[in-house]
Amino acid sequence: MVCSTLVAYPISFFKTSPHVLYGWRRFLLRLFGAQIGKKVIIRPSAQITYPWKVKIGDYSWVGDDVVLYSLGDIEIGENSIISQKSYICTGTHDYSKSDFPILAKKITIGNGCWLATDVFVSPGITIADGVVVGARSTVIKDLDAASVYVGSPVRFIKKRNFE
């Protein structure tokens, strides 16, 4: 009972915080072991399973209703955006075994990436620097740098030219 009470209070302090209290949410996540860079924006409706398995670089954004299902490590680089309703999923089950044990696989999202609304990222994926993933895409393979991808499953569209 004591353990569940201790966990519930920080979550309620996080979720009920006004939208503009980004510093407060960074503080709470750091208190529970997350590595959060400077000026990171995390919306109060974001859900983070295990903060101590999350690392977010400077100036990145985590939008409304984003789920960071951090059974395994999640690393998000600098200046990256994870838009609303996206689901970053590090957990799966080993279907080759009769008891379907849980597997955790790290997800890495590079610097200068943008995952548009409602993107699903599968366990074990690496998204290289400068990638844009279109809305409602499903990422089931590693993505090459400075490229645009869309679809379910995700497919390459073009190289990204930017300054």
C-alpha atoms as a PDB file:
ATOM      1  CA  MET A   1       0.000   0.000   0.000  1.00  0.00           C
ATOM      2  CA  VAL A   2       2.796   2.427   0.847  1.00  0.00           C
ATOM      3  CA  CYS A   3       4.570   1.846  -2.487  1.00  0.00           C
ATOM      4  CA  SER A   4       1.463   2.496  -4.608  1.00  0.00           C
ATOM      5  CA  THR A   5       0.709   5.650  -2.614  1.00  0.00           C
ATOM      6  CA  LEU A   6       4.214   6.991  -3.182  1.00  0.00           C
ATOM      7  CA  VAL A   7       3.991   6.364  -6.913  1.00  0.00           C
ATOM      8  CA  ALA A   8       0.484   7.830  -7.316  1.00  0.00           C
ATOM      9  CA  TYR A   9       1.306  11.234  -5.859  1.00  0.00           C
ATOM     10  CA  PRO A  10       4.041  12.208  -8.352  1.00  0.00           C
ATOM     11  CA  ILE A  11       1.859  11.093 -11.255  1.00  0.00           C
ATOM     12  CA  SER A  12      -1.032  13.225 -10.027  1.00  0.00           C
ATOM     13  CA  PHE A  13       1.319  16.192  -9.493  1.00  0.00           C
ATOM     14  CA  PHE A  14       2.548  15.709 -13.052  1.00  0.00           C
ATOM     15  CA  LYS A  15      -0.828  15.264 -14.756  1.00  0.00           C
ATOM     16  CA  THR A  16      -2.603  18.083 -12.912  1.00  0.00           C
ATOM     17  CA  SER A  17       0.157  20.629 -13.441  1.00  0.00           C
ATOM     18  CA  PRO A  18      -0.742  23.609 -15.666  1.00  0.00           C
ATOM     19  CA  HIS A  19       0.484  23.336 -19.262  1.00  0.00           C
ATOM     20  CA  VAL A  20       3.110  26.069 -18.806  1.00  0.00           C
ATOM     21  CA  LEU A  21       4.892  24.357 -15.878  1.00  0.00           C
ATOM     22  CA  TYR A  22       7.422  22.538 -18.053  1.00  0.00           C
ATOM     23  CA  GLY A  23      10.165  23.093 -15.480  1.00  0.00           C
ATOM     24  CA  TRP A  24       8.058  21.418 -12.787  1.00  0.00           C
ATOM     25  CA  ARG A  25       7.520  18.321 -14.930  1.00  0.00           C
ATOM     26  CA  ARG A  26      11.230  18.188 -15.827  1.00  0.00           C
ATOM     27  CA  PHE A  27      11.987  18.377 -12.092  1.00  0.00           C
ATOM     28  CA  LEU A  28       9.572  15.544 -11.235  1.00  0.00           C
ATOM     29  CA  LEU A  29      10.933  13.294 -13.970  1.00  0.00           C
ATOM     30  CA  ARG A  30      14.527  13.972 -12.907  1.00  0.00           C
ATOM     31  CA  LEU A  31      13.518  13.210  -9.312  1.00  0.00           C
ATOM     32  CA  PHE A  32      12.557   9.731 -10.522  1.00  0.00           C
ATOM     33  CA  GLY A  33      15.755   9.188 -12.493  1.00  0.00           C
ATOM     34  CA  ALA A  34      14.966  10.517 -15.968  1.00  0.00           C
ATOM     35  CA  GLN A  35      17.758  12.325 -17.781  1.00  0.00           C
ATOM     36  CA  ILE A  36      16.039  15.427 -19.122  1.00  0.00           C
ATOM     37  CA  GLY A  37      17.932  18.139 -21.017  1.00  0.00           C
ATOM     38  CA  LYS A  38      17.444  21.874 -20.744  1.00  0.00           C
ATOM     39  CA  LYS A  39      14.270  23.544 -21.991  1.00  0.00           C
ATOM     40  CA  VAL A  40      12.587  20.200 -22.775  1.00  0.00           C
ATOM     41  CA  ILE A  41       8.824  20.583 -23.177  1.00  0.00           C
ATOM     42  CA  ILE A  42       6.723  17.715 -21.849  1.00  0.00           C
ATOM     43  CA  ARG A  43       2.970  18.099 -21.836  1.00  0.00           C
ATOM     44  CA  PRO A  44       1.078  17.071 -18.667  1.00  0.00           C
ATOM     45  CA  SER A  45      -0.953  14.411 -20.489  1.00  0.00           C
ATOM     46  CA  ALA A  46       2.194  12.526 -21.565  1.00  0.00           C
ATOM     47  CA  GLN A  47       2.598   9.083 -19.961  1.00  0.00           C
ATOM     48  CA  ILE A  48       5.996   7.734 -18.988  1.00  0.00           C
ATOM     49  CA  THR A  49       6.080   4.210 -17.589  1.00  0.00           C
ATOM     50  CA  TYR A  50       9.538   4.162 -15.954  1.00  0.00           C
ATOM     51  CA  PRO A  51      11.181   7.622 -15.916  1.00  0.00           C
ATOM     52  CA  TRP A  52      14.592   6.195 -14.944  1.00  0.00           C
ATOM     53  CA  LYS A  53      14.750   4.505 -18.367  1.00  0.00           C
ATOM     54  CA  VAL A  54      14.169   7.739 -20.317  1.00  0.00           C
ATOM     55  CA  LYS A  55      16.749  10.202 -21.647  1.00  0.00           C
ATOM     56  CA  ILE A  56      15.654  13.316 -23.561  1.00  0.00           C
ATOM     57  CA  GLY A  57      18.104  15.802 -25.078  1.00  0.00           C
ATOM     58  CA  ASP A  58      18.025  19.597 -24.898  1.00  0.00           C
ATOM     59  CA  TYR A  59      15.154  21.513 -26.533  1.00  0.00           C
ATOM     60  CA  SER A  60      13.059  18.470 -27.413  1.00  0.00           C
ATOM     61  CA  TRP A  61       9.262  18.234 -27.130  1.00  0.00           C
ATOM     62  CA  VAL A  62       6.952  15.454 -25.972  1.00  0.00           C
ATOM     63  CA  GLY A  63       3.374  16.291 -26.981  1.00  0.00           C
ATOM     64  CA  ASP A  64      -0.073  15.705 -25.553  1.00  0.00           C
ATOM     65  CA  ASP A  65      -1.093  12.094 -24.937  1.00  0.00           C
ATOM     66  CA  VAL A  66       2.291  10.716 -25.995  1.00  0.00           C
ATOM     67  CA  VAL A  67       3.100   7.364 -24.387  1.00  0.00           C
ATOM     68  CA  LEU A  68       6.724   6.548 -23.615  1.00  0.00           C
ATOM     69  CA  TYR A  69       6.246   2.871 -22.733  1.00  0.00           C
ATOM     70  CA  SER A  70       9.683   2.526 -21.220  1.00  0.00           C
ATOM     71  CA  LEU A  71      10.032  -1.112 -20.225  1.00  0.00           C
ATOM     72  CA  GLY A  72      13.365  -0.735 -22.027  1.00  0.00           C
ATOM     73  CA  ASP A  73      15.452   2.399 -22.468  1.00  0.00           C
ATOM     74  CA  ILE A  74      14.177   5.280 -24.587  1.00  0.00           C
ATOM     75  CA  GLU A  75      16.674   7.847 -25.809  1.00  0.00           C
ATOM     76  CA  ILE A  76      15.454  10.966 -27.625  1.00  0.00           C
ATOM     77  CA  GLY A  77      18.080  13.336 -29.008  1.00  0.00           C
ATOM     78  CA  GLU A  78      18.233  17.129 -28.999  1.00  0.00           C
ATOM     79  CA  ASN A  79      15.766  19.338 -30.883  1.00  0.00           C
ATOM     80  CA  SER A  80      13.390  16.451 -31.602  1.00  0.00           C
ATOM     81  CA  ILE A  81       9.600  16.481 -31.501  1.00  0.00           C
ATOM     82  CA  ILE A  82       7.342  13.580 -30.567  1.00  0.00           C
ATOM     83  CA  SER A  83       3.893  14.868 -31.555  1.00  0.00           C
ATOM     84  CA  GLN A  84       0.584  14.198 -29.843  1.00  0.00           C
ATOM     85  CA  LYS A  85      -0.771  10.679 -29.457  1.00  0.00           C
ATOM     86  CA  SER A  86       2.446   8.988 -30.548  1.00  0.00           C
ATOM     87  CA  TYR A  87       3.343   5.698 -28.862  1.00  0.00           C
ATOM     88  CA  ILE A  88       6.994   4.801 -28.297  1.00  0.00           C
ATOM     89  CA  CYS A  89       6.866   1.125 -27.294  1.00  0.00           C
ATOM     90  CA  THR A  90       9.940  -0.677 -25.937  1.00  0.00           C
ATOM     91  CA  GLY A  91       8.023  -3.719 -24.678  1.00  0.00           C
ATOM     92  CA  THR A  92       6.935  -6.826 -26.513  1.00  0.00           C
ATOM     93  CA  HIS A  93       6.516 -10.561 -25.856  1.00  0.00           C
ATOM     94  CA  ASP A  94       8.627 -13.485 -27.002  1.00  0.00           C
ATOM     95  CA  TYR A  95       6.092 -15.344 -29.153  1.00  0.00           C
ATOM     96  CA  SER A  96       8.499 -18.268 -29.637  1.00  0.00           C
ATOM     97  CA  LYS A  97       7.879 -19.356 -26.043  1.00  0.00           C
ATOM     98  CA  SER A  98       4.659 -20.811 -24.668  1.00  0.00           C
ATOM     99  CA  ASP A  99       4.492 -18.387 -21.712  1.00  0.00           C
ATOM    100  CA  PHE A 100       5.101 -15.246 -23.855  1.00  0.00           C
ATOM    101  CA  PRO A 101       7.682 -13.635 -21.539  1.00  0.00           C
ATOM    102  CA  ILE A 102       8.087  -9.871 -21.757  1.00  0.00           C
ATOM    103  CA  LEU A 103      11.036  -8.529 -23.743  1.00  0.00           C
ATOM    104  CA  ALA A 104      12.333  -4.976 -23.477  1.00  0.00           C
ATOM    105  CA  LYS A 105      14.235  -3.440 -26.394  1.00  0.00           C
ATOM    106  CA  LYS A 106      15.769   0.036 -26.487  1.00  0.00           C
ATOM    107  CA  ILE A 107      14.431   2.716 -28.834  1.00  0.00           C
ATOM    108  CA  THR A 108      16.720   5.509 -30.016  1.00  0.00           C
ATOM    109  CA  ILE A 109      15.402   8.638 -31.715  1.00  0.00           C
ATOM    110  CA  GLY A 110      18.167  10.913 -33.001  1.00  0.00           C
ATOM    111  CA  ASN A 111      18.721  14.661 -33.013  1.00  0.00           C
ATOM    112  CA  GLY A 112      16.481  16.922 -35.068  1.00  0.00           C
ATOM    113  CA  CYS A 113      13.730  14.366 -35.649  1.00  0.00           C
ATOM    114  CA  TRP A 114      10.006  14.973 -35.925  1.00  0.00           C
ATOM    115  CA  LEU A 115       7.495  12.208 -35.360  1.00  0.00           C
ATOM    116  CA  ALA A 116       4.149  13.660 -36.439  1.00  0.00           C
ATOM    117  CA  THR A 117       0.864  12.874 -34.723  1.00  0.00           C
ATOM    118  CA  ASP A 118      -0.053   9.315 -33.782  1.00  0.00           C
ATOM    119  CA  VAL A 119       3.187   7.581 -34.815  1.00  0.00           C
ATOM    120  CA  PHE A 120       3.856   4.104 -33.397  1.00  0.00           C
ATOM    121  CA  VAL A 121       7.492   3.056 -32.910  1.00  0.00           C
ATOM    122  CA  SER A 122       8.171  -0.660 -32.367  1.00  0.00           C
ATOM    123  CA  PRO A 123      10.643  -2.077 -29.821  1.00  0.00           C
ATOM    124  CA  GLY A 124      14.315  -2.073 -30.758  1.00  0.00           C
ATOM    125  CA  ILE A 125      14.088   0.663 -33.411  1.00  0.00           C
ATOM    126  CA  THR A 126      16.739   3.297 -34.161  1.00  0.00           C
ATOM    127  CA  ILE A 127      15.626   6.472 -35.907  1.00  0.00           C
ATOM    128  CA  ALA A 128      18.704   8.342 -37.162  1.00  0.00           C
ATOM    129  CA  ASP A 129      19.277  12.119 -36.999  1.00  0.00           C
ATOM    130  CA  GLY A 130      17.085  14.437 -39.037  1.00  0.00           C
ATOM    131  CA  VAL A 131      14.257  12.009 -39.784  1.00  0.00           C
ATOM    132  CA  VAL A 132      10.651  13.103 -40.309  1.00  0.00           C
ATOM    133  CA  VAL A 133       7.931  10.470 -39.862  1.00  0.00           C
ATOM    134  CA  GLY A 134       4.479  11.358 -41.199  1.00  0.00           C
ATOM    135  CA  ALA A 135       1.258  11.226 -39.206  1.00  0.00           C
ATOM    136  CA  ARG A 136      -0.206   7.835 -38.314  1.00  0.00           C
ATOM    137  CA  SER A 137       2.862   5.939 -39.465  1.00  0.00           C
ATOM    138  CA  THR A 138       4.045   2.637 -38.002  1.00  0.00           C
ATOM    139  CA  VAL A 139       7.809   2.335 -37.613  1.00  0.00           C
ATOM    140  CA  ILE A 140       8.871  -1.330 -37.697  1.00  0.00           C
ATOM    141  CA  LYS A 141      12.390  -0.925 -39.113  1.00  0.00           C
ATOM    142  CA  ASP A 142      15.370   1.357 -38.491  1.00  0.00           C
ATOM    143  CA  LEU A 143      15.210   4.672 -40.364  1.00  0.00           C
ATOM    144  CA  ASP A 144      18.136   6.314 -42.188  1.00  0.00           C
ATOM    145  CA  ALA A 145      19.268   9.874 -41.448  1.00  0.00           C
ATOM    146  CA  ALA A 146      17.887  13.031 -43.068  1.00  0.00           C
ATOM    147  CA  SER A 147      14.927  11.278 -44.685  1.00  0.00           C
ATOM    148  CA  VAL A 148      11.141  11.510 -44.784  1.00  0.00           C
ATOM    149  CA  TYR A 149       9.020   8.409 -44.149  1.00  0.00           C
ATOM    150  CA  VAL A 150       5.260   7.779 -44.108  1.00  0.00           C
ATOM    151  CA  GLY A 151       2.819   4.910 -43.932  1.00  0.00           C
ATOM    152  CA  SER A 152       1.904   1.798 -42.100  1.00  0.00           C
ATOM    153  CA  PRO A 153       4.307   0.107 -42.324  1.00  0.00           C
ATOM    154  CA  VAL A 154       6.587   3.081 -42.816  1.00  0.00           C
ATOM    155  CA  ARG A 155       8.243   3.568 -46.208  1.00  0.00           C
ATOM    156  CA  PHE A 156      10.895   5.948 -47.499  1.00  0.00           C
ATOM    157  CA  ILE A 157       9.588   8.991 -49.422  1.00  0.00           C
ATOM    158  CA  LYS A 158      12.616  11.212 -50.030  1.00  0.00           C
ATOM    159  CA  LYS A 159      15.815  12.628 -48.621  1.00  0.00           C
ATOM    160  CA  ARG A 160      15.356  15.701 -46.472  1.00  0.00           C
ATOM    161  CA  ASN A 161      17.116  18.917 -47.473  1.00  0.00           C
ATOM    162  CA  PHE A 162      17.434  21.364 -44.607  1.00  0.00           C
ATOM    163  CA  GLU A 163      19.795  23.964 -43.188  1.00  0.00           C
END
